[in-house]
N, C-alpha and C. Protein backbone atom coordinates (compact mmCIF):
# COMPACT_ATOMS: atom_id res chain seq x y z
N UNK A 1 -8.35 14.54 -7.23
CA UNK A 1 -7.69 13.27 -7.11
C UNK A 1 -6.51 13.43 -6.15
N UNK A 2 -6.27 12.39 -5.35
CA UNK A 2 -5.18 12.36 -4.39
C UNK A 2 -4.37 11.09 -4.63
N UNK A 3 -3.05 11.23 -4.69
CA UNK A 3 -2.18 10.08 -4.84
C UNK A 3 -1.48 9.81 -3.52
N UNK A 4 -1.68 8.62 -3.02
CA UNK A 4 -1.04 8.19 -1.78
C UNK A 4 0.25 7.46 -2.13
N UNK A 5 1.35 7.90 -1.54
CA UNK A 5 2.66 7.26 -1.73
C UNK A 5 3.00 6.55 -0.42
N UNK A 6 3.17 5.24 -0.50
CA UNK A 6 3.51 4.45 0.68
C UNK A 6 4.85 3.79 0.43
N UNK A 7 5.84 4.13 1.26
CA UNK A 7 7.16 3.53 1.16
C UNK A 7 7.27 2.47 2.24
N UNK A 8 7.53 1.23 1.82
CA UNK A 8 7.51 0.08 2.72
C UNK A 8 8.87 -0.60 2.69
N UNK A 9 9.51 -0.65 3.85
CA UNK A 9 10.77 -1.39 3.97
C UNK A 9 10.42 -2.75 4.56
N UNK A 10 10.83 -3.81 3.85
CA UNK A 10 10.47 -5.18 4.19
C UNK A 10 11.69 -5.90 4.76
N UNK A 11 11.45 -6.77 5.74
CA UNK A 11 12.53 -7.60 6.27
C UNK A 11 13.12 -8.41 5.12
N UNK A 12 14.44 -8.33 4.91
CA UNK A 12 15.06 -9.00 3.74
C UNK A 12 14.70 -10.48 3.60
N UNK A 13 14.58 -11.18 4.70
CA UNK A 13 14.28 -12.62 4.63
C UNK A 13 12.83 -12.90 4.24
N UNK A 14 11.99 -11.86 4.17
CA UNK A 14 10.57 -12.05 3.88
C UNK A 14 10.11 -11.41 2.58
N UNK A 15 11.05 -11.03 1.72
CA UNK A 15 10.67 -10.32 0.49
C UNK A 15 9.72 -11.15 -0.37
N UNK A 16 10.02 -12.41 -0.60
CA UNK A 16 9.16 -13.25 -1.43
C UNK A 16 7.76 -13.40 -0.85
N UNK A 17 7.67 -13.61 0.46
CA UNK A 17 6.36 -13.73 1.11
C UNK A 17 5.58 -12.42 1.04
N UNK A 18 6.30 -11.30 1.18
CA UNK A 18 5.64 -9.99 1.10
C UNK A 18 5.06 -9.76 -0.29
N UNK A 19 5.86 -10.05 -1.32
CA UNK A 19 5.37 -9.85 -2.69
C UNK A 19 4.13 -10.71 -2.95
N UNK A 20 4.14 -11.94 -2.48
CA UNK A 20 2.97 -12.82 -2.65
C UNK A 20 1.77 -12.26 -1.90
N UNK A 21 1.98 -11.77 -0.69
CA UNK A 21 0.87 -11.20 0.09
C UNK A 21 0.32 -9.95 -0.58
N UNK A 22 1.19 -9.16 -1.20
CA UNK A 22 0.73 -7.95 -1.87
C UNK A 22 -0.13 -8.25 -3.09
N UNK A 23 0.07 -9.41 -3.71
CA UNK A 23 -0.80 -9.78 -4.83
C UNK A 23 -2.25 -9.86 -4.35
N UNK A 24 -2.47 -10.52 -3.22
CA UNK A 24 -3.82 -10.59 -2.65
C UNK A 24 -4.24 -9.24 -2.11
N UNK A 25 -3.30 -8.55 -1.48
CA UNK A 25 -3.60 -7.26 -0.88
C UNK A 25 -4.05 -6.23 -1.90
N UNK A 26 -3.45 -6.25 -3.07
CA UNK A 26 -3.84 -5.29 -4.11
C UNK A 26 -5.29 -5.49 -4.55
N UNK A 27 -5.75 -6.73 -4.55
CA UNK A 27 -7.15 -6.96 -4.93
C UNK A 27 -8.08 -6.35 -3.87
N UNK A 28 -7.68 -6.39 -2.62
CA UNK A 28 -8.47 -5.75 -1.57
C UNK A 28 -8.50 -4.24 -1.79
N UNK A 29 -7.34 -3.67 -2.06
CA UNK A 29 -7.26 -2.22 -2.28
C UNK A 29 -8.07 -1.79 -3.49
N UNK A 30 -7.97 -2.56 -4.57
CA UNK A 30 -8.70 -2.20 -5.80
C UNK A 30 -10.22 -2.18 -5.59
N UNK A 31 -10.69 -2.96 -4.64
CA UNK A 31 -12.13 -3.01 -4.41
C UNK A 31 -12.61 -1.90 -3.47
N UNK A 32 -11.68 -1.13 -2.91
CA UNK A 32 -12.06 -0.07 -1.97
C UNK A 32 -12.75 1.07 -2.71
N UNK A 33 -13.76 1.62 -2.07
CA UNK A 33 -14.49 2.74 -2.66
C UNK A 33 -13.54 3.92 -2.85
N UNK A 34 -13.55 4.50 -4.04
CA UNK A 34 -12.77 5.69 -4.31
C UNK A 34 -11.40 5.42 -4.90
N UNK A 35 -11.00 4.16 -5.01
CA UNK A 35 -9.69 3.85 -5.61
C UNK A 35 -9.81 3.90 -7.12
N UNK A 36 -8.91 4.65 -7.73
CA UNK A 36 -8.90 4.79 -9.19
C UNK A 36 -7.84 3.89 -9.83
N UNK A 37 -6.67 3.83 -9.19
CA UNK A 37 -5.56 3.07 -9.77
C UNK A 37 -4.56 2.72 -8.68
N UNK A 38 -3.86 1.61 -8.89
CA UNK A 38 -2.82 1.16 -7.96
C UNK A 38 -1.59 0.79 -8.77
N UNK A 39 -0.41 1.14 -8.24
CA UNK A 39 0.86 0.71 -8.83
C UNK A 39 1.76 0.26 -7.69
N UNK A 40 2.51 -0.80 -7.91
CA UNK A 40 3.37 -1.39 -6.90
C UNK A 40 4.77 -1.52 -7.49
N UNK A 41 5.76 -0.92 -6.83
CA UNK A 41 7.13 -0.87 -7.36
C UNK A 41 8.12 -1.41 -6.33
N UNK A 42 9.23 -1.93 -6.85
CA UNK A 42 10.32 -2.41 -6.00
C UNK A 42 11.55 -1.54 -6.24
N UNK A 43 12.28 -1.23 -5.17
CA UNK A 43 13.47 -0.40 -5.28
C UNK A 43 14.57 -1.06 -6.09
N UNK A 44 15.31 -0.25 -6.81
CA UNK A 44 16.44 -0.73 -7.60
C UNK A 44 17.68 -0.79 -6.70
N UNK A 45 17.97 0.30 -6.01
CA UNK A 45 19.15 0.34 -5.14
C UNK A 45 18.95 -0.48 -3.86
N UNK A 46 17.74 -0.51 -3.36
CA UNK A 46 17.41 -1.27 -2.14
C UNK A 46 16.28 -2.22 -2.47
N UNK A 47 16.61 -3.50 -2.67
CA UNK A 47 15.59 -4.44 -3.14
C UNK A 47 14.57 -4.83 -2.08
N UNK A 48 14.75 -4.36 -0.85
CA UNK A 48 13.74 -4.61 0.18
C UNK A 48 12.89 -3.35 0.44
N UNK A 49 13.01 -2.35 -0.44
CA UNK A 49 12.19 -1.14 -0.34
C UNK A 49 11.15 -1.17 -1.47
N UNK A 50 9.91 -0.95 -1.10
CA UNK A 50 8.81 -0.99 -2.05
C UNK A 50 8.03 0.31 -1.97
N UNK A 51 7.40 0.67 -3.09
CA UNK A 51 6.55 1.85 -3.13
C UNK A 51 5.18 1.43 -3.68
N UNK A 52 4.17 1.75 -2.92
CA UNK A 52 2.80 1.51 -3.32
C UNK A 52 2.16 2.86 -3.61
N UNK A 53 1.63 3.02 -4.80
CA UNK A 53 0.94 4.25 -5.19
C UNK A 53 -0.54 3.93 -5.35
N UNK A 54 -1.36 4.70 -4.67
CA UNK A 54 -2.81 4.50 -4.77
C UNK A 54 -3.44 5.84 -5.12
N UNK A 55 -4.16 5.88 -6.23
CA UNK A 55 -4.89 7.08 -6.62
C UNK A 55 -6.32 6.97 -6.09
N UNK A 56 -6.67 7.93 -5.27
CA UNK A 56 -8.01 8.00 -4.67
C UNK A 56 -8.78 9.16 -5.33
N UNK A 57 -10.10 9.04 -5.39
CA UNK A 57 -10.91 10.15 -5.87
C UNK A 57 -10.72 11.37 -4.98
N UNK A 58 -10.69 11.12 -3.66
CA UNK A 58 -10.51 12.21 -2.69
C UNK A 58 -9.96 11.62 -1.39
N UNK A 59 -9.35 12.46 -0.58
CA UNK A 59 -8.73 12.01 0.67
C UNK A 59 -9.75 11.39 1.62
N UNK A 60 -10.97 11.86 1.56
CA UNK A 60 -12.02 11.31 2.42
C UNK A 60 -12.27 9.84 2.13
N UNK A 61 -12.12 9.42 0.87
CA UNK A 61 -12.28 8.00 0.53
C UNK A 61 -11.19 7.17 1.21
N UNK A 62 -9.97 7.68 1.20
CA UNK A 62 -8.88 6.97 1.88
C UNK A 62 -9.15 6.90 3.39
N UNK A 63 -9.52 8.02 3.97
CA UNK A 63 -9.79 8.04 5.41
C UNK A 63 -10.91 7.08 5.79
N UNK A 64 -11.95 7.00 4.98
CA UNK A 64 -13.05 6.08 5.26
C UNK A 64 -12.57 4.63 5.15
N UNK A 65 -11.71 4.34 4.18
CA UNK A 65 -11.20 2.99 4.01
C UNK A 65 -10.44 2.52 5.25
N UNK A 66 -9.72 3.41 5.89
CA UNK A 66 -8.93 3.02 7.07
C UNK A 66 -9.79 2.57 8.24
N UNK A 67 -11.08 2.78 8.15
CA UNK A 67 -12.01 2.37 9.23
C UNK A 67 -12.79 1.10 8.88
N UNK A 68 -12.41 0.43 7.79
CA UNK A 68 -13.15 -0.75 7.33
C UNK A 68 -12.45 -2.05 7.73
N UNK A 69 -13.23 -3.13 7.66
CA UNK A 69 -12.67 -4.46 7.91
C UNK A 69 -11.65 -4.83 6.84
N UNK A 70 -11.86 -4.37 5.61
CA UNK A 70 -10.91 -4.66 4.53
C UNK A 70 -9.54 -4.03 4.80
N UNK A 71 -9.52 -2.86 5.41
CA UNK A 71 -8.25 -2.24 5.78
C UNK A 71 -7.51 -3.13 6.78
N UNK A 72 -8.23 -3.65 7.76
CA UNK A 72 -7.64 -4.57 8.73
C UNK A 72 -7.15 -5.85 8.08
N UNK A 73 -7.90 -6.34 7.13
CA UNK A 73 -7.50 -7.55 6.41
C UNK A 73 -6.22 -7.31 5.62
N UNK A 74 -6.15 -6.16 4.94
CA UNK A 74 -4.95 -5.81 4.18
C UNK A 74 -3.74 -5.72 5.12
N UNK A 75 -3.90 -5.03 6.22
CA UNK A 75 -2.80 -4.91 7.18
C UNK A 75 -2.36 -6.24 7.74
N UNK A 76 -3.31 -7.14 7.98
CA UNK A 76 -2.99 -8.46 8.48
C UNK A 76 -2.19 -9.29 7.48
N UNK A 77 -2.46 -9.07 6.20
CA UNK A 77 -1.73 -9.80 5.15
C UNK A 77 -0.28 -9.34 5.01
N UNK A 78 -0.08 -8.03 4.99
CA UNK A 78 1.24 -7.51 4.64
C UNK A 78 2.05 -6.96 5.81
N UNK A 79 1.38 -6.53 6.86
CA UNK A 79 2.05 -5.86 7.96
C UNK A 79 3.10 -6.68 8.68
N UNK A 80 2.93 -7.96 8.70
CA UNK A 80 3.88 -8.83 9.39
C UNK A 80 5.26 -8.84 8.75
N UNK A 81 5.37 -8.36 7.52
CA UNK A 81 6.64 -8.38 6.80
C UNK A 81 7.38 -7.04 6.86
N UNK A 82 6.77 -6.01 7.45
CA UNK A 82 7.40 -4.70 7.52
C UNK A 82 8.61 -4.73 8.45
N UNK A 83 9.68 -4.12 8.00
CA UNK A 83 10.86 -3.95 8.85
C UNK A 83 10.66 -2.78 9.80
N UNK A 84 9.89 -1.80 9.35
CA UNK A 84 9.57 -0.62 10.15
C UNK A 84 8.24 -0.07 9.65
N UNK A 85 7.71 0.88 10.37
CA UNK A 85 6.44 1.48 9.98
C UNK A 85 6.58 2.18 8.63
N UNK A 86 5.67 1.92 7.70
CA UNK A 86 5.75 2.57 6.38
C UNK A 86 5.63 4.09 6.48
N UNK A 87 6.24 4.76 5.53
CA UNK A 87 6.11 6.21 5.39
C UNK A 87 5.00 6.47 4.39
N UNK A 88 4.04 7.30 4.78
CA UNK A 88 2.87 7.56 3.93
C UNK A 88 2.71 9.06 3.74
N UNK A 89 2.56 9.47 2.48
CA UNK A 89 2.32 10.86 2.13
C UNK A 89 1.24 10.91 1.06
N UNK A 90 0.46 11.98 1.06
CA UNK A 90 -0.57 12.17 0.06
C UNK A 90 -0.26 13.42 -0.77
N UNK A 91 -0.52 13.33 -2.09
CA UNK A 91 -0.19 14.41 -3.00
C UNK A 91 -1.37 14.69 -3.92
N UNK A 92 -1.47 15.95 -4.35
CA UNK A 92 -2.42 16.34 -5.39
C UNK A 92 -1.62 16.88 -6.56
N UNK A 93 -2.13 16.66 -7.74
CA UNK A 93 -1.46 17.12 -8.96
C UNK A 93 -1.70 18.61 -9.14
N UNK A 94 -0.67 19.32 -9.54
CA UNK A 94 -0.79 20.76 -9.80
C UNK A 94 -1.04 21.02 -11.27
C-alpha cells in the first residue's frame, strides 16, 4: 500500500469554491482503480492549506491514473484554485 500526501495551497478568495469542487473531485478519485481510501483535511494554522491523503494499492495504480481522462477532469475541477503547484509525496508504512 502507498499513501499519497498532497499539500494544496488555495487562493484565499477561492476557498469556498475549492471545497465545493473537491466534493465532486473526491468522487472521481474514489472511482479510480487502486484507490483504497481518501481523506481531505484543512489546515488549522493556515486555513487556505489543505491536505489530501489517498491510499493506493500500489504506486503503479497512481501512475496509471495520471494518464486517464478522469485525472484531467479532476485537475480541471480543482486546479484553477491553486495558489501554487501542490507538493506531492508518496509513503509506505513500515
